[in-house]
Amino acid sequence: MTYRSRIFGLAIASLLSLSGFFGATAQAQEVDLSPEQKDRIRVEQVEAAIKLIPADYKFVTPGKLTVASVPGRLPFAAYATDNKTPVGSEPDIAQLVADSLGLELELVPIAWADWPLGVASGRFDAAIHNITVTEERKEKFDFSTYRNDLLGFYVPLESKVTSITKPEDVAGLKVIVSSGTNQEEILLRWIEANNAKGLPASEVQYYDDEAVLDVALQSGRADAYLGPNATSAFKAAKEKKTKLVGTFSGGWPQTAEIAVATRKGSGLADAITGALNEQRRRGNYAKVLSRWNLSAEAVAESRTNPTGLPKS
């Protein structure tokens, strides 16, 4: 049995022991928000960006920008207390792009694992949900960057773990991470490096349901959670049950950027990049990040298909 198979087996066993099987779509995170956060920032269309849309591009629905979104965790995306209104930084970014291109926004809720096939097959015009640019993904998708990627390690408030900033710091720990993500890849690389040094083994755990994840962390079944810093920071400030013990680039050891993903060669990326840059100049991009506490992750400019993280 391979090392990855062993840790996957441990993850499944742990998941089943806690709650039984859960589907891939995260539960909606119903929260009380300020009126400003519930109402998206609306902007005027950008003629220069509209002109960059290829004449032969066919939108999924004429007159609409159909965007795949993953409602589940703030500040990225969730439902308001009415359990139907999408809120968060990613729906806000999608709204900026749609308005800029003179289109109506159509958000389609999906599970994270479904966005690649959905975009590649033409089911969605774009996917906007904390997607990191990688060289492997660039083979099938075009990208328009809008945020720097930052990851964070969080532990229970009473945890004796005080710092996780390098591979050796996870030796012997039980760490929760989301499957199929860049942070999972980084964590597995760290563990392999530790194994080569003869350091204590680490256990990797996977949970599709956030409530189950919380139970695992607070009950001691897991020592730490590794994920996008923004979501964990938002939750830590709200619930005061966890604390930050380390951050690093989502592309460790390289820097990484988050981007809007579109079908490769569709030509839509340049228009989206132009829209984002104009809204940055107008100050609307900064407003979106600021109200979700993401200002520290702002990019100096949106770029189409920049160098992505290398293939593993």
Protein backbone atom coordinates (compact mmCIF):
# COMPACT_ATOMS: atom_id res chain seq x y z
CA MET A 1 0.00 0.00 0.00
CA THR A 2 1.37 3.42 -0.91
CA TYR A 3 1.98 6.16 1.66
CA ARG A 4 -0.83 8.26 0.14
CA SER A 5 -3.19 5.26 0.28
CA ARG A 6 -2.37 4.73 3.94
CA ILE A 7 -3.11 8.32 4.92
CA PHE A 8 -6.26 8.31 2.80
CA GLY A 9 -7.41 5.20 4.60
CA LEU A 10 -6.77 6.83 7.96
CA ALA A 11 -8.72 9.87 6.83
CA ILE A 12 -11.74 7.85 5.75
CA ALA A 13 -11.72 5.83 8.96
CA SER A 14 -11.57 9.00 11.04
CA LEU A 15 -14.35 10.60 9.04
CA LEU A 16 -16.65 7.63 9.37
CA SER A 17 -16.01 7.31 13.08
CA LEU A 18 -17.11 10.89 13.62
CA SER A 19 -20.14 11.34 11.46
CA GLY A 20 -20.73 8.84 8.72
CA PHE A 21 -20.45 9.82 5.07
CA PHE A 22 -20.96 13.40 3.92
CA GLY A 23 -21.39 14.68 0.37
CA ALA A 24 -18.81 16.79 -1.41
CA THR A 25 -20.66 20.07 -1.13
CA ALA A 26 -19.96 22.01 2.04
CA GLN A 27 -22.86 23.07 4.20
CA ALA A 28 -23.92 26.69 3.84
CA GLN A 29 -22.37 28.96 6.43
CA GLU A 30 -25.27 31.10 7.58
CA VAL A 31 -24.00 34.26 9.27
CA ASP A 32 -25.19 37.71 10.17
CA LEU A 33 -23.52 40.30 7.99
CA SER A 34 -23.55 44.05 7.81
CA PRO A 35 -25.91 45.64 5.26
CA GLU A 36 -22.85 46.63 3.25
CA GLN A 37 -21.64 43.05 3.02
CA LYS A 38 -25.06 41.74 1.97
CA ASP A 39 -25.35 44.26 -0.85
CA ARG A 40 -22.74 43.74 -3.54
CA ILE A 41 -20.79 46.66 -4.93
CA ARG A 42 -22.20 47.47 -8.35
CA VAL A 43 -20.11 49.24 -10.99
CA GLU A 44 -20.41 50.79 -14.42
CA GLN A 45 -19.44 48.76 -17.46
CA VAL A 46 -15.94 49.10 -18.94
CA GLU A 47 -16.08 49.66 -22.68
CA ALA A 48 -12.38 48.88 -23.18
CA ALA A 49 -12.84 45.48 -21.50
CA ILE A 50 -16.03 44.73 -23.44
CA LYS A 51 -14.12 45.28 -26.69
CA LEU A 52 -11.70 42.53 -25.66
CA ILE A 53 -14.45 39.88 -25.67
CA PRO A 54 -13.91 37.80 -28.85
CA ALA A 55 -16.63 38.38 -31.42
CA ASP A 56 -17.18 34.63 -31.75
CA TYR A 57 -17.33 33.90 -28.02
CA LYS A 58 -20.64 32.33 -27.04
CA PHE A 59 -21.67 32.83 -23.43
CA VAL A 60 -23.41 29.90 -21.71
CA THR A 61 -26.50 32.10 -21.59
CA PRO A 62 -26.62 35.15 -23.87
CA GLY A 63 -26.35 38.35 -21.87
CA LYS A 64 -25.15 36.57 -18.73
CA LEU A 65 -21.81 35.66 -17.18
CA THR A 66 -22.28 32.17 -15.75
CA VAL A 67 -19.85 31.64 -12.89
CA ALA A 68 -19.17 28.52 -10.83
CA SER A 69 -19.01 29.28 -7.11
CA VAL A 70 -18.55 27.13 -4.02
CA PRO A 71 -20.78 28.36 -1.18
CA GLY A 72 -19.51 27.11 2.12
CA ARG A 73 -17.03 29.37 3.89
CA LEU A 74 -16.61 33.08 4.40
CA PRO A 75 -15.01 35.37 3.51
CA PHE A 76 -14.94 33.62 0.12
CA ALA A 77 -18.53 32.49 -0.43
CA ALA A 78 -21.53 31.46 1.66
CA TYR A 79 -25.25 32.15 1.98
CA ALA A 80 -26.73 35.02 3.97
CA THR A 81 -29.21 34.27 6.75
CA ASP A 82 -31.99 33.85 4.17
CA ASN A 83 -30.08 30.73 3.05
CA LYS A 84 -30.32 31.75 -0.60
CA THR A 85 -28.42 35.00 -1.16
CA PRO A 86 -24.76 34.35 -2.13
CA VAL A 87 -22.37 36.60 -0.22
CA GLY A 88 -18.61 36.84 0.10
CA SER A 89 -15.53 38.14 -1.62
CA GLU A 90 -15.78 35.73 -4.57
CA PRO A 91 -19.39 36.63 -5.50
CA ASP A 92 -18.31 40.28 -5.13
CA ILE A 93 -15.40 39.78 -7.54
CA ALA A 94 -17.73 37.96 -9.94
CA GLN A 95 -20.14 40.91 -9.75
CA LEU A 96 -17.35 43.38 -10.57
CA VAL A 97 -16.41 41.35 -13.64
CA ALA A 98 -19.98 40.83 -14.85
CA ASP A 99 -20.91 44.50 -14.43
CA SER A 100 -17.71 45.60 -16.14
CA LEU A 101 -18.51 43.41 -19.14
CA GLY A 102 -22.10 44.62 -19.31
CA LEU A 103 -23.50 41.22 -18.33
CA GLU A 104 -25.94 39.88 -15.75
CA LEU A 105 -24.26 37.66 -13.18
CA GLU A 106 -25.44 34.06 -12.86
CA LEU A 107 -23.80 32.26 -9.92
CA VAL A 108 -24.03 28.47 -9.98
CA PRO A 109 -23.32 26.67 -6.68
CA ILE A 110 -21.09 23.61 -7.08
CA ALA A 111 -18.71 21.39 -5.13
CA TRP A 112 -15.06 22.44 -5.44
CA ALA A 113 -14.07 19.31 -7.37
CA ASP A 114 -16.58 20.08 -10.13
CA TRP A 115 -15.23 23.40 -11.43
CA PRO A 116 -12.50 22.06 -13.80
CA LEU A 117 -14.82 19.86 -15.86
CA GLY A 118 -17.56 22.48 -15.74
CA VAL A 119 -15.34 25.20 -17.19
CA ALA A 120 -13.56 22.94 -19.69
CA SER A 121 -16.86 21.53 -21.00
CA GLY A 122 -18.46 24.96 -21.38
CA ARG A 123 -21.02 24.55 -18.61
CA PHE A 124 -19.64 27.71 -16.99
CA ASP A 125 -18.05 30.79 -18.53
CA ALA A 126 -15.73 31.04 -15.55
CA ALA A 127 -14.96 29.71 -12.09
CA ILE A 128 -14.24 32.14 -9.26
CA HIS A 129 -13.38 30.51 -5.96
CA ASN A 130 -9.86 30.80 -4.58
CA ILE A 131 -8.27 28.99 -7.54
CA THR A 132 -4.46 29.08 -7.58
CA VAL A 133 -2.63 29.49 -10.90
CA THR A 134 -0.46 26.47 -11.66
CA GLU A 135 1.43 25.46 -14.79
CA GLU A 136 -0.54 22.22 -14.94
CA ARG A 137 -3.88 24.04 -14.78
CA LYS A 138 -2.70 26.48 -17.46
CA GLU A 139 -2.65 23.58 -19.91
CA LYS A 140 -6.47 23.49 -19.77
CA PHE A 141 -7.46 26.94 -18.50
CA ASP A 142 -6.70 30.62 -18.89
CA PHE A 143 -6.37 32.81 -15.81
CA SER A 144 -6.94 36.42 -14.74
CA THR A 145 -5.30 37.06 -11.37
CA TYR A 146 -6.95 39.08 -8.60
CA ARG A 147 -5.45 38.04 -5.26
CA ASN A 148 -2.25 36.75 -3.70
CA ASP A 149 -2.51 33.28 -2.18
CA LEU A 150 -1.81 32.96 1.55
CA LEU A 151 -2.15 29.82 3.66
CA GLY A 152 -2.41 29.52 7.42
CA PHE A 153 -2.04 26.88 10.13
CA TYR A 154 -4.67 27.10 12.87
CA VAL A 155 -4.83 25.17 16.14
CA PRO A 156 -7.21 25.17 19.14
CA LEU A 157 -6.73 28.10 21.52
CA GLU A 158 -5.38 25.86 24.28
CA SER A 159 -3.03 23.95 21.98
CA LYS A 160 0.61 23.59 22.98
CA VAL A 161 1.57 24.06 19.33
CA THR A 162 2.85 27.63 19.06
CA SER A 163 4.52 27.80 15.65
CA ILE A 164 4.29 25.98 12.30
CA THR A 165 6.40 27.71 9.68
CA LYS A 166 8.56 24.95 8.21
CA PRO A 167 8.27 21.24 7.32
CA GLU A 168 9.86 20.01 10.54
CA ASP A 169 7.10 21.70 12.55
CA VAL A 170 4.42 19.24 11.32
CA ALA A 171 6.41 16.15 12.28
CA GLY A 172 4.30 13.98 14.56
CA LEU A 173 1.16 16.11 14.13
CA LYS A 174 -2.29 15.15 12.85
CA VAL A 175 -3.14 17.79 10.25
CA ILE A 176 -6.47 18.43 8.48
CA VAL A 177 -6.35 19.62 4.87
CA SER A 178 -8.79 19.68 1.94
CA SER A 179 -8.31 17.03 -0.73
CA GLY A 180 -7.25 18.12 -4.22
CA THR A 181 -5.95 21.50 -3.09
CA ASN A 182 -2.57 23.15 -3.41
CA GLN A 183 -2.16 23.15 0.36
CA GLU A 184 -2.60 19.38 0.39
CA GLU A 185 0.22 19.05 -2.13
CA ILE A 186 2.50 21.27 -0.04
CA LEU A 187 1.70 19.38 3.16
CA LEU A 188 2.41 16.02 1.53
CA ARG A 189 5.75 17.35 0.26
CA TRP A 190 6.61 18.50 3.77
CA ILE A 191 5.75 15.10 5.19
CA GLU A 192 7.82 13.29 2.58
CA ALA A 193 10.80 15.51 3.40
CA ASN A 194 10.36 14.76 7.10
CA ASN A 195 10.13 11.04 6.44
CA ALA A 196 13.42 11.20 4.53
CA LYS A 197 15.00 12.79 7.61
CA GLY A 198 13.61 10.13 9.89
CA LEU A 199 11.35 12.55 11.76
CA PRO A 200 8.13 11.38 13.47
CA ALA A 201 5.32 10.49 11.06
CA SER A 202 2.41 12.86 10.44
CA GLU A 203 -1.21 11.89 9.87
CA VAL A 204 -3.28 13.69 7.21
CA GLN A 205 -7.05 13.94 7.68
CA TYR A 206 -9.73 14.98 5.18
CA TYR A 207 -13.24 16.24 5.97
CA ASP A 208 -15.83 17.49 3.49
CA ASP A 209 -18.10 18.82 6.23
CA GLU A 210 -16.91 21.85 8.19
CA ALA A 211 -18.79 20.88 11.35
CA VAL A 212 -17.01 17.52 11.37
CA LEU A 213 -13.69 19.30 10.84
CA ASP A 214 -14.37 21.52 13.85
CA VAL A 215 -15.21 18.53 16.05
CA ALA A 216 -12.01 16.77 15.01
CA LEU A 217 -9.91 19.80 15.85
CA GLN A 218 -11.57 20.70 19.15
CA SER A 219 -11.76 17.08 20.37
CA GLY A 220 -8.06 16.44 19.83
CA ARG A 221 -8.53 13.98 16.97
CA ALA A 222 -6.50 16.48 14.93
CA ASP A 223 -3.78 18.91 16.00
CA ALA A 224 -3.98 21.54 13.29
CA TYR A 225 -5.84 22.69 10.21
CA LEU A 226 -4.05 23.98 7.09
CA GLY A 227 -6.09 26.04 4.64
CA PRO A 228 -6.59 29.45 3.05
CA ASN A 229 -5.67 31.96 5.74
CA ALA A 230 -8.56 34.28 4.93
CA THR A 231 -11.27 31.76 5.78
CA SER A 232 -9.59 30.64 8.96
CA ALA A 233 -8.85 34.18 10.11
CA PHE A 234 -12.50 35.15 9.57
CA LYS A 235 -13.68 32.16 11.56
CA ALA A 236 -11.11 32.56 14.34
CA ALA A 237 -12.09 36.19 14.89
CA LYS A 238 -15.80 35.30 14.96
CA GLU A 239 -15.77 32.14 17.08
CA LYS A 240 -12.59 32.61 19.16
CA LYS A 241 -11.89 28.88 19.27
CA THR A 242 -8.69 28.71 17.23
CA LYS A 243 -5.48 30.66 16.81
CA LEU A 244 -3.00 31.28 14.02
CA VAL A 245 0.42 29.65 14.44
CA GLY A 246 1.94 30.22 11.01
CA THR A 247 1.39 31.61 7.51
CA PHE A 248 3.22 31.18 4.22
CA SER A 249 2.65 31.57 0.50
CA GLY A 250 0.18 29.20 -1.07
CA GLY A 251 2.92 28.34 -3.55
CA TRP A 252 5.56 27.58 -0.99
CA PRO A 253 8.45 28.02 -1.61
CA GLN A 254 7.30 30.11 -4.58
CA THR A 255 4.70 32.86 -4.40
CA ALA A 256 1.26 32.05 -5.77
CA GLU A 257 -1.72 33.98 -7.13
CA ILE A 258 -5.47 33.41 -7.11
CA ALA A 259 -7.31 33.92 -10.39
CA VAL A 260 -10.53 33.71 -12.38
CA ALA A 261 -10.39 30.52 -14.45
CA THR A 262 -11.81 30.38 -17.99
CA ARG A 263 -11.68 27.80 -20.77
CA LYS A 264 -8.29 27.59 -22.49
CA GLY A 265 -8.17 29.58 -25.70
CA SER A 266 -11.68 31.00 -25.31
CA GLY A 267 -10.29 34.53 -25.36
CA LEU A 268 -12.35 35.63 -22.37
CA ALA A 269 -9.39 35.99 -19.99
CA ASP A 270 -8.08 39.21 -21.52
CA ALA A 271 -11.47 40.88 -21.15
CA ILE A 272 -11.70 39.78 -17.50
CA THR A 273 -8.16 40.96 -16.80
CA GLY A 274 -8.98 44.32 -18.34
CA ALA A 275 -12.15 44.58 -16.27
CA LEU A 276 -10.33 43.81 -13.03
CA ASN A 277 -7.56 46.31 -13.71
CA GLU A 278 -10.04 49.08 -14.49
CA GLN A 279 -11.98 48.40 -11.30
CA ARG A 280 -8.67 48.48 -9.44
CA ARG A 281 -7.98 51.93 -10.89
CA ARG A 282 -11.50 53.09 -9.97
CA GLY A 283 -11.06 51.89 -6.38
CA ASN A 284 -13.85 49.29 -6.45
CA TYR A 285 -11.49 46.32 -6.29
CA ALA A 286 -9.96 47.68 -3.08
CA LYS A 287 -13.42 48.17 -1.59
CA VAL A 288 -14.31 44.53 -2.19
CA LEU A 289 -11.17 43.20 -0.55
CA SER A 290 -11.36 45.63 2.34
CA ARG A 291 -14.84 44.67 3.46
CA TRP A 292 -13.85 41.00 3.64
CA ASN A 293 -10.52 41.65 5.42
CA LEU A 294 -8.49 40.62 2.38
CA SER A 295 -6.62 43.85 1.67
CA ALA A 296 -3.30 42.22 2.54
CA GLU A 297 -3.81 39.82 -0.36
CA ALA A 298 -4.40 42.48 -3.05
CA VAL A 299 -2.38 42.26 -6.27
CA ALA A 300 -0.66 45.28 -7.80
CA GLU A 301 -2.32 44.45 -11.11
CA SER A 302 -4.37 41.68 -12.67
CA ARG A 303 -2.40 39.56 -15.12
CA THR A 304 -3.44 37.07 -17.78
CA ASN A 305 -1.72 33.69 -17.46
CA PRO A 306 1.30 34.67 -15.35
CA THR A 307 3.87 32.07 -14.43
CA GLY A 308 2.08 29.56 -12.24
CA LEU A 309 3.24 27.10 -9.66
CA PRO A 310 5.39 24.37 -11.27
CA LYS A 311 4.15 20.87 -11.89
CA SER A 312 4.80 18.49 -9.04
